[in-house]
Amino acid sequence: MQVKTVKMGVYEDYDRTNRFYQSLGFREFEVFPTLWDEANPCQVYVMAM
């Protein structure tokens, strides 16, 4: 399974989202710095099902 959010360290609200996904067992996979735009780098997390 995968989820996407804004990369850790960009916005405090999204840092909480990142920590939530990590607490569920998701692991960092890849960052797409311009998928959405340069101000919102896309962090992809994955978790085996």
N, C-alpha and C. Protein backbone atom coordinates (compact mmCIF):
# COMPACT_ATOMS: atom_id res chain seq x y z
N MET A 1 0.85 -1.15 0.00
CA MET A 1 0.00 0.00 0.00
C MET A 1 0.91 1.22 0.00
N GLN A 2 0.46 2.29 -0.61
CA GLN A 2 1.24 3.52 -0.59
C GLN A 2 0.34 4.70 -0.27
N VAL A 3 0.96 5.72 0.32
CA VAL A 3 0.28 6.99 0.58
C VAL A 3 1.23 8.10 0.16
N LYS A 4 0.67 9.26 -0.11
CA LYS A 4 1.47 10.42 -0.48
C LYS A 4 1.08 11.58 0.43
N THR A 5 2.09 12.37 0.80
CA THR A 5 1.87 13.58 1.57
C THR A 5 3.01 14.54 1.27
N VAL A 6 2.98 15.71 1.84
CA VAL A 6 4.06 16.67 1.66
C VAL A 6 5.24 16.24 2.54
N LYS A 7 6.43 16.36 2.01
CA LYS A 7 7.66 15.93 2.68
C LYS A 7 7.80 16.54 4.08
N MET A 8 8.32 15.74 4.99
CA MET A 8 8.59 16.17 6.36
C MET A 8 9.49 17.40 6.36
N GLY A 9 9.17 18.36 7.22
CA GLY A 9 9.99 19.55 7.37
C GLY A 9 9.55 20.74 6.56
N VAL A 10 8.51 20.58 5.73
CA VAL A 10 8.05 21.69 4.90
C VAL A 10 6.95 22.47 5.62
N TYR A 11 5.95 21.77 6.16
CA TYR A 11 4.83 22.39 6.88
C TYR A 11 4.57 21.59 8.15
N GLU A 12 4.34 22.28 9.26
CA GLU A 12 4.10 21.60 10.53
C GLU A 12 2.89 20.67 10.47
N ASP A 13 1.82 21.12 9.82
CA ASP A 13 0.62 20.27 9.71
C ASP A 13 0.93 18.95 9.01
N TYR A 14 1.71 19.01 7.96
CA TYR A 14 2.05 17.79 7.23
C TYR A 14 3.08 16.96 7.98
N ASP A 15 3.88 17.59 8.84
CA ASP A 15 4.79 16.81 9.69
C ASP A 15 3.98 15.88 10.58
N ARG A 16 2.86 16.36 11.09
CA ARG A 16 1.98 15.50 11.90
C ARG A 16 1.44 14.35 11.06
N THR A 17 1.09 14.62 9.81
CA THR A 17 0.61 13.58 8.92
C THR A 17 1.71 12.54 8.67
N ASN A 18 2.94 13.01 8.44
CA ASN A 18 4.06 12.10 8.24
C ASN A 18 4.25 11.20 9.45
N ARG A 19 4.23 11.78 10.65
CA ARG A 19 4.41 10.98 11.86
C ARG A 19 3.27 9.98 12.04
N PHE A 20 2.06 10.35 11.67
CA PHE A 20 0.92 9.43 11.75
C PHE A 20 1.15 8.22 10.84
N TYR A 21 1.52 8.46 9.59
CA TYR A 21 1.78 7.34 8.67
C TYR A 21 2.90 6.45 9.20
N GLN A 22 3.96 7.07 9.71
CA GLN A 22 5.07 6.29 10.26
C GLN A 22 4.62 5.46 11.45
N SER A 23 3.73 6.00 12.28
CA SER A 23 3.26 5.26 13.45
C SER A 23 2.43 4.04 13.06
N LEU A 24 1.87 4.05 11.86
CA LEU A 24 1.10 2.92 11.36
C LEU A 24 1.97 1.86 10.70
N GLY A 25 3.26 2.16 10.54
CA GLY A 25 4.17 1.19 9.94
C GLY A 25 4.60 1.53 8.53
N PHE A 26 4.16 2.66 7.99
CA PHE A 26 4.62 3.07 6.67
C PHE A 26 6.08 3.48 6.75
N ARG A 27 6.82 3.23 5.69
CA ARG A 27 8.24 3.58 5.60
C ARG A 27 8.45 4.51 4.40
N GLU A 28 9.39 5.45 4.56
CA GLU A 28 9.70 6.37 3.47
C GLU A 28 10.18 5.57 2.26
N PHE A 29 9.67 5.95 1.08
CA PHE A 29 10.05 5.26 -0.15
C PHE A 29 10.79 6.20 -1.09
N GLU A 30 10.16 7.32 -1.43
CA GLU A 30 10.75 8.22 -2.42
C GLU A 30 10.12 9.60 -2.27
N VAL A 31 10.89 10.62 -2.65
CA VAL A 31 10.38 12.00 -2.69
C VAL A 31 10.39 12.46 -4.15
N PHE A 32 9.26 13.02 -4.57
CA PHE A 32 9.15 13.62 -5.90
C PHE A 32 9.07 15.14 -5.68
N PRO A 33 10.20 15.84 -5.85
CA PRO A 33 10.24 17.25 -5.46
C PRO A 33 9.32 18.17 -6.27
N THR A 34 8.92 17.78 -7.46
CA THR A 34 8.08 18.67 -8.28
C THR A 34 6.80 18.00 -8.77
N LEU A 35 6.39 16.89 -8.16
CA LEU A 35 5.16 16.22 -8.61
C LEU A 35 3.97 17.16 -8.50
N TRP A 36 3.83 17.80 -7.36
CA TRP A 36 2.74 18.78 -7.19
C TRP A 36 3.24 20.17 -7.57
N ASP A 37 4.29 20.63 -6.92
CA ASP A 37 5.02 21.85 -7.26
C ASP A 37 6.20 21.96 -6.30
N GLU A 38 7.11 22.89 -6.57
CA GLU A 38 8.33 22.98 -5.77
C GLU A 38 8.08 23.32 -4.31
N ALA A 39 6.97 24.00 -4.01
CA ALA A 39 6.65 24.37 -2.62
C ALA A 39 6.05 23.21 -1.85
N ASN A 40 5.67 22.14 -2.56
CA ASN A 40 5.01 20.99 -1.94
C ASN A 40 5.62 19.68 -2.42
N PRO A 41 6.85 19.38 -2.00
CA PRO A 41 7.47 18.13 -2.45
C PRO A 41 6.69 16.91 -1.95
N CYS A 42 6.46 15.99 -2.83
CA CYS A 42 5.63 14.81 -2.54
C CYS A 42 6.45 13.69 -1.93
N GLN A 43 6.11 13.31 -0.69
CA GLN A 43 6.74 12.17 -0.02
C GLN A 43 5.85 10.95 -0.20
N VAL A 44 6.44 9.87 -0.67
CA VAL A 44 5.71 8.62 -0.84
C VAL A 44 6.14 7.67 0.28
N TYR A 45 5.16 7.10 0.96
CA TYR A 45 5.39 6.08 1.98
C TYR A 45 4.79 4.79 1.49
N VAL A 46 5.39 3.67 1.87
CA VAL A 46 4.87 2.36 1.50
C VAL A 46 4.79 1.46 2.73
N MET A 47 3.91 0.48 2.64
CA MET A 47 3.77 -0.53 3.70
C MET A 47 3.34 -1.83 3.04
N ALA A 48 4.00 -2.92 3.42
CA ALA A 48 3.63 -4.22 2.89
C ALA A 48 2.31 -4.66 3.49
N MET A 49 1.51 -5.31 2.71
CA MET A 49 0.20 -5.79 3.17
C MET A 49 0.24 -7.29 3.35
